[in-house]
Amino acid sequence: MKIGLGFGLIGLLLTGVGVVRGEVPLAPLNIAIALIIGGGVWFVVAWAVASAAVDVERDMEAEE
């Protein structure tokens, strides 16, 4: 969960940079959706990869 949150924050930061650079229209709804998608996707992907890695490690320990 910590890894997902960390990468989610990075996604929010990068999305914020995109907003400042003018890549997102300055309507509040557009900015909110961009932040949700940017941070959310980074969070979900990082969390899924970290969870899979933990599951593999547990399975390997169980085999030994």
N, C-alpha and C. Protein backbone atom coordinates (compact mmCIF):
# COMPACT_ATOMS: atom_id res chain seq x y z
N MET A 1 0.82 -1.19 0.00
CA MET A 1 0.00 0.00 0.00
C MET A 1 0.88 1.26 0.00
N LYS A 2 1.98 1.20 0.77
CA LYS A 2 2.87 2.37 0.83
C LYS A 2 3.48 2.67 -0.53
N ILE A 3 3.84 1.63 -1.26
CA ILE A 3 4.43 1.82 -2.59
C ILE A 3 3.40 2.45 -3.51
N GLY A 4 2.16 1.97 -3.46
CA GLY A 4 1.10 2.54 -4.29
C GLY A 4 0.86 4.00 -3.97
N LEU A 5 0.84 4.34 -2.69
CA LEU A 5 0.64 5.73 -2.30
C LEU A 5 1.79 6.62 -2.77
N GLY A 6 3.01 6.10 -2.64
CA GLY A 6 4.18 6.87 -3.08
C GLY A 6 4.12 7.17 -4.57
N PHE A 7 3.84 6.14 -5.36
CA PHE A 7 3.77 6.35 -6.80
C PHE A 7 2.53 7.16 -7.19
N GLY A 8 1.45 7.02 -6.42
CA GLY A 8 0.27 7.84 -6.67
C GLY A 8 0.58 9.32 -6.48
N LEU A 9 1.37 9.62 -5.46
CA LEU A 9 1.77 11.02 -5.23
C LEU A 9 2.67 11.52 -6.36
N ILE A 10 3.54 10.65 -6.85
CA ILE A 10 4.38 11.03 -7.99
C ILE A 10 3.50 11.32 -9.20
N GLY A 11 2.48 10.47 -9.42
CA GLY A 11 1.55 10.70 -10.52
C GLY A 11 0.82 12.02 -10.38
N LEU A 12 0.40 12.35 -9.16
CA LEU A 12 -0.26 13.64 -8.92
C LEU A 12 0.70 14.80 -9.21
N LEU A 13 1.95 14.66 -8.79
CA LEU A 13 2.94 15.70 -9.03
C LEU A 13 3.16 15.91 -10.52
N LEU A 14 3.32 14.81 -11.26
CA LEU A 14 3.54 14.93 -12.70
C LEU A 14 2.31 15.50 -13.41
N THR A 15 1.13 15.13 -12.94
CA THR A 15 -0.09 15.69 -13.52
C THR A 15 -0.17 17.20 -13.23
N GLY A 16 0.22 17.57 -12.02
CA GLY A 16 0.26 18.99 -11.68
C GLY A 16 1.21 19.77 -12.57
N VAL A 17 2.35 19.17 -12.89
CA VAL A 17 3.29 19.80 -13.82
C VAL A 17 2.64 19.97 -15.18
N GLY A 18 1.90 18.96 -15.62
CA GLY A 18 1.19 19.06 -16.90
C GLY A 18 0.15 20.16 -16.90
N VAL A 19 -0.54 20.32 -15.78
CA VAL A 19 -1.54 21.39 -15.67
C VAL A 19 -0.87 22.75 -15.76
N VAL A 20 0.24 22.91 -15.05
CA VAL A 20 0.97 24.19 -15.05
C VAL A 20 1.51 24.50 -16.44
N ARG A 21 1.95 23.47 -17.16
CA ARG A 21 2.50 23.68 -18.51
C ARG A 21 1.41 23.91 -19.55
N GLY A 22 0.14 23.77 -19.17
CA GLY A 22 -0.94 24.05 -20.09
C GLY A 22 -1.43 22.86 -20.88
N GLU A 23 -1.09 21.66 -20.47
CA GLU A 23 -1.52 20.46 -21.18
C GLU A 23 -2.97 20.08 -20.87
N VAL A 24 -3.52 20.64 -19.80
CA VAL A 24 -4.89 20.36 -19.38
C VAL A 24 -5.65 21.68 -19.40
N PRO A 25 -6.84 21.70 -20.01
CA PRO A 25 -7.65 22.93 -19.96
C PRO A 25 -7.89 23.35 -18.51
N LEU A 26 -7.94 24.63 -18.27
CA LEU A 26 -7.99 25.15 -16.90
C LEU A 26 -9.39 25.15 -16.29
N ALA A 27 -10.27 24.31 -16.75
CA ALA A 27 -11.57 24.14 -16.11
C ALA A 27 -11.39 23.25 -14.88
N PRO A 28 -12.02 23.57 -13.76
CA PRO A 28 -11.82 22.79 -12.54
C PRO A 28 -12.13 21.30 -12.71
N LEU A 29 -13.17 20.96 -13.46
CA LEU A 29 -13.51 19.55 -13.64
C LEU A 29 -12.43 18.82 -14.43
N ASN A 30 -11.89 19.48 -15.45
CA ASN A 30 -10.81 18.86 -16.23
C ASN A 30 -9.57 18.62 -15.37
N ILE A 31 -9.24 19.56 -14.53
CA ILE A 31 -8.08 19.41 -13.65
C ILE A 31 -8.33 18.29 -12.65
N ALA A 32 -9.53 18.24 -12.07
CA ALA A 32 -9.84 17.19 -11.11
C ALA A 32 -9.76 15.81 -11.75
N ILE A 33 -10.32 15.66 -12.94
CA ILE A 33 -10.28 14.36 -13.63
C ILE A 33 -8.85 13.98 -13.97
N ALA A 34 -8.06 14.94 -14.43
CA ALA A 34 -6.66 14.66 -14.75
C ALA A 34 -5.91 14.20 -13.51
N LEU A 35 -6.15 14.83 -12.36
CA LEU A 35 -5.47 14.44 -11.13
C LEU A 35 -5.91 13.05 -10.67
N ILE A 36 -7.19 12.77 -10.79
CA ILE A 36 -7.70 11.45 -10.38
C ILE A 36 -7.13 10.36 -11.28
N ILE A 37 -7.14 10.60 -12.58
CA ILE A 37 -6.61 9.59 -13.50
C ILE A 37 -5.10 9.45 -13.33
N GLY A 38 -4.38 10.57 -13.29
CA GLY A 38 -2.92 10.53 -13.16
C GLY A 38 -2.47 9.84 -11.89
N GLY A 39 -2.99 10.27 -10.76
CA GLY A 39 -2.60 9.66 -9.49
C GLY A 39 -3.17 8.26 -9.33
N GLY A 40 -4.39 8.06 -9.77
CA GLY A 40 -5.05 6.76 -9.61
C GLY A 40 -4.40 5.65 -10.39
N VAL A 41 -4.04 5.93 -11.63
CA VAL A 41 -3.41 4.90 -12.46
C VAL A 41 -2.05 4.52 -11.90
N TRP A 42 -1.26 5.50 -11.52
CA TRP A 42 0.06 5.21 -10.95
C TRP A 42 -0.11 4.41 -9.66
N PHE A 43 -1.09 4.78 -8.84
CA PHE A 43 -1.32 4.05 -7.59
C PHE A 43 -1.69 2.60 -7.85
N VAL A 44 -2.66 2.37 -8.72
CA VAL A 44 -3.15 1.01 -8.97
C VAL A 44 -2.06 0.12 -9.56
N VAL A 45 -1.33 0.63 -10.54
CA VAL A 45 -0.29 -0.18 -11.17
C VAL A 45 0.82 -0.50 -10.17
N ALA A 46 1.29 0.48 -9.44
CA ALA A 46 2.37 0.24 -8.47
C ALA A 46 1.90 -0.71 -7.37
N TRP A 47 0.69 -0.54 -6.88
CA TRP A 47 0.15 -1.41 -5.84
C TRP A 47 0.03 -2.85 -6.35
N ALA A 48 -0.46 -3.01 -7.58
CA ALA A 48 -0.63 -4.36 -8.14
C ALA A 48 0.72 -5.06 -8.30
N VAL A 49 1.71 -4.36 -8.80
CA VAL A 49 3.04 -4.96 -8.98
C VAL A 49 3.64 -5.32 -7.63
N ALA A 50 3.54 -4.43 -6.65
CA ALA A 50 4.10 -4.71 -5.33
C ALA A 50 3.37 -5.87 -4.66
N SER A 51 2.06 -5.93 -4.80
CA SER A 51 1.29 -7.03 -4.22
C SER A 51 1.67 -8.36 -4.87
N ALA A 52 1.84 -8.36 -6.17
CA ALA A 52 2.25 -9.59 -6.86
C ALA A 52 3.63 -10.03 -6.40
N ALA A 53 4.53 -9.10 -6.23
CA ALA A 53 5.88 -9.44 -5.77
C ALA A 53 5.84 -10.05 -4.36
N VAL A 54 5.03 -9.49 -3.49
CA VAL A 54 4.90 -10.03 -2.14
C VAL A 54 4.31 -11.43 -2.18
N ASP A 55 3.29 -11.65 -3.01
CA ASP A 55 2.69 -12.98 -3.14
C ASP A 55 3.70 -14.01 -3.63
N VAL A 56 4.51 -13.63 -4.60
CA VAL A 56 5.53 -14.55 -5.11
C VAL A 56 6.54 -14.89 -4.02
N GLU A 57 6.97 -13.89 -3.27
CA GLU A 57 7.92 -14.14 -2.19
C GLU A 57 7.32 -15.08 -1.14
N ARG A 58 6.06 -14.87 -0.80
CA ARG A 58 5.40 -15.76 0.18
C ARG A 58 5.31 -17.18 -0.35
N ASP A 59 4.96 -17.33 -1.63
CA ASP A 59 4.87 -18.65 -2.22
C ASP A 59 6.23 -19.35 -2.23
N MET A 60 7.28 -18.60 -2.52
CA MET A 60 8.62 -19.20 -2.54
C MET A 60 9.05 -19.63 -1.14
N GLU A 61 8.71 -18.83 -0.13
CA GLU A 61 9.04 -19.19 1.24
C GLU A 61 8.25 -20.42 1.67
N ALA A 62 7.02 -20.54 1.23
CA ALA A 62 6.17 -21.68 1.60
C ALA A 62 6.70 -22.97 0.99
N GLU A 63 7.31 -22.89 -0.18
CA GLU A 63 7.87 -24.06 -0.83
C GLU A 63 9.10 -24.58 -0.12
N GLU A 64 9.83 -23.70 0.52
CA GLU A 64 11.07 -24.10 1.20
C GLU A 64 10.76 -24.71 2.49
